[in-house]
C-alpha cells in the first residue's frame, strides 16, 4: 500500500529522511522513518531509483502531496556533471509503501 493514504505529519528532514506517522493494520499509529539516500541517487541531474546519496548533490529538497492528495512528491534541485542545477521531482509512491506502520521500499515499481 502506498504510504501517504495511511500517514500523517509527512515530512523530509535533513534533506533525505522521510518521516511520518503511519497507521498500522490494527488502527494504531507508529512513528516511522526511511533514509531516502539509501534508495535514491542522482544521475547527472536526475533522480534515479535504486541509487544512493542523492542529497549530497541536491539543494532545496522538500516534500509535497499534490493533485488532491493523490501524489506524494519529492522535489529538489539536483546538480549535473557540469554543476548546473536541475529542478526535478519524484513520485515516492512508485516505490515507498506502508507495511503495518513502517516504511517499506520496493525494488520494483
Protein backbone atom coordinates (compact mmCIF):
# COMPACT_ATOMS: atom_id res chain seq x y z
CA UNK A 1 0.00 0.00 0.00
CA UNK A 2 1.35 3.41 -0.90
CA UNK A 3 2.23 5.15 2.33
CA UNK A 4 0.60 8.57 2.05
CA UNK A 5 -3.01 7.31 2.22
CA UNK A 6 -2.37 5.97 5.72
CA UNK A 7 0.01 8.66 7.01
CA UNK A 8 0.00 11.96 8.83
CA UNK A 9 2.64 14.59 9.53
CA UNK A 10 4.68 13.57 6.46
CA UNK A 11 7.92 15.48 6.03
CA UNK A 12 11.51 15.25 4.82
CA UNK A 13 14.10 16.15 7.45
CA UNK A 14 17.81 16.84 6.88
CA UNK A 15 17.20 16.73 3.12
CA UNK A 16 16.87 12.93 2.95
CA UNK A 17 14.98 11.40 5.91
CA UNK A 18 11.31 10.75 5.12
CA UNK A 19 9.33 10.77 8.37
CA UNK A 20 5.65 10.29 9.14
CA UNK A 21 3.17 8.71 11.49
CA UNK A 22 1.97 5.60 9.67
CA UNK A 23 -1.18 3.71 10.51
CA UNK A 24 -0.83 0.05 11.39
CA UNK A 25 -3.31 -2.69 10.46
CA UNK A 26 -4.86 -2.53 13.94
CA UNK A 27 -5.52 1.22 13.56
CA UNK A 28 -2.71 2.32 15.87
CA UNK A 29 -0.16 4.89 14.71
CA UNK A 30 3.59 4.40 14.51
CA UNK A 31 6.37 6.98 14.12
CA UNK A 32 8.34 5.82 11.08
CA UNK A 33 11.28 6.96 9.01
CA UNK A 34 13.28 5.87 5.98
CA UNK A 35 16.56 7.27 4.71
CA UNK A 36 15.90 8.12 1.06
CA UNK A 37 19.67 8.34 0.45
CA UNK A 38 19.74 4.53 0.64
CA UNK A 39 17.32 4.19 -2.29
CA UNK A 40 17.54 7.29 -4.50
CA UNK A 41 20.51 8.58 -6.43
CA UNK A 42 21.38 11.48 -8.70
CA UNK A 43 22.31 10.52 -12.27
CA UNK A 44 23.64 13.69 -13.93
CA UNK A 45 20.87 15.90 -12.52
CA UNK A 46 18.06 13.34 -12.49
CA UNK A 47 16.52 11.29 -9.69
CA UNK A 48 17.07 7.54 -10.07
CA UNK A 49 15.61 4.69 -8.04
CA UNK A 50 17.95 2.00 -6.71
CA UNK A 51 20.71 4.60 -6.42
CA UNK A 52 22.28 6.17 -3.36
CA UNK A 53 23.21 9.54 -1.94
CA UNK A 54 21.10 11.98 -3.96
CA UNK A 55 21.11 14.52 -1.12
CA UNK A 56 24.86 15.02 -1.42
CA UNK A 57 24.31 16.80 -4.75
CA UNK A 58 20.94 18.42 -4.07
CA UNK A 59 19.51 21.67 -2.75
CA UNK A 60 16.03 22.85 -1.82
CA UNK A 61 14.83 19.32 -1.00
CA UNK A 62 11.18 19.31 0.04
CA UNK A 63 8.09 17.12 0.09
CA UNK A 64 4.53 17.86 -1.02
CA UNK A 65 1.35 15.90 -1.63
CA UNK A 66 -0.12 17.10 -4.92
CA UNK A 67 -3.21 16.60 -7.08
CA UNK A 68 -5.97 16.43 -4.45
CA UNK A 69 -3.74 14.40 -2.14
CA UNK A 70 -3.03 11.69 -4.68
CA UNK A 71 0.70 12.05 -5.36
CA UNK A 72 3.49 12.24 -2.74
CA UNK A 73 6.25 14.20 -4.48
CA UNK A 74 9.89 14.70 -3.54
CA UNK A 75 11.25 17.89 -5.14
CA UNK A 76 14.83 19.13 -5.29
CA UNK A 77 17.40 20.94 -7.33
CA UNK A 78 19.86 18.26 -8.46
CA UNK A 79 23.25 19.15 -9.87
CA UNK A 80 24.55 17.61 -13.08
CA UNK A 81 28.17 16.83 -14.00
CA UNK A 82 28.79 20.42 -15.11
CA UNK A 83 27.45 21.81 -11.82
CA UNK A 84 24.20 23.08 -13.29
CA UNK A 85 21.13 22.83 -11.07
CA UNK A 86 18.14 20.95 -12.46
CA UNK A 87 14.71 21.23 -10.78
CA UNK A 88 13.43 17.66 -10.52
CA UNK A 89 10.63 15.72 -8.85
CA UNK A 90 9.98 12.09 -7.97
CA UNK A 91 6.72 10.32 -7.13
CA UNK A 92 7.59 8.49 -3.91
CA UNK A 93 4.53 6.22 -4.15
CA UNK A 94 6.24 4.40 -7.03
CA UNK A 95 8.47 2.56 -4.55
CA UNK A 96 7.67 3.58 -0.94
CA UNK A 97 4.86 1.87 0.93
CA UNK A 98 3.41 1.36 4.40
CA UNK A 99 3.93 -2.12 5.79
CA UNK A 100 1.95 -2.25 9.05
CA UNK A 101 3.17 1.14 10.27
CA UNK A 102 6.68 1.03 8.83
CA UNK A 103 8.06 2.44 5.60
CA UNK A 104 8.90 -0.24 3.06
CA UNK A 105 10.97 0.24 -0.10
CA UNK A 106 10.14 -1.89 -3.09
CA UNK A 107 12.78 -2.55 -5.75
CA UNK A 108 10.09 -2.83 -8.43
CA UNK A 109 7.56 -0.23 -9.50
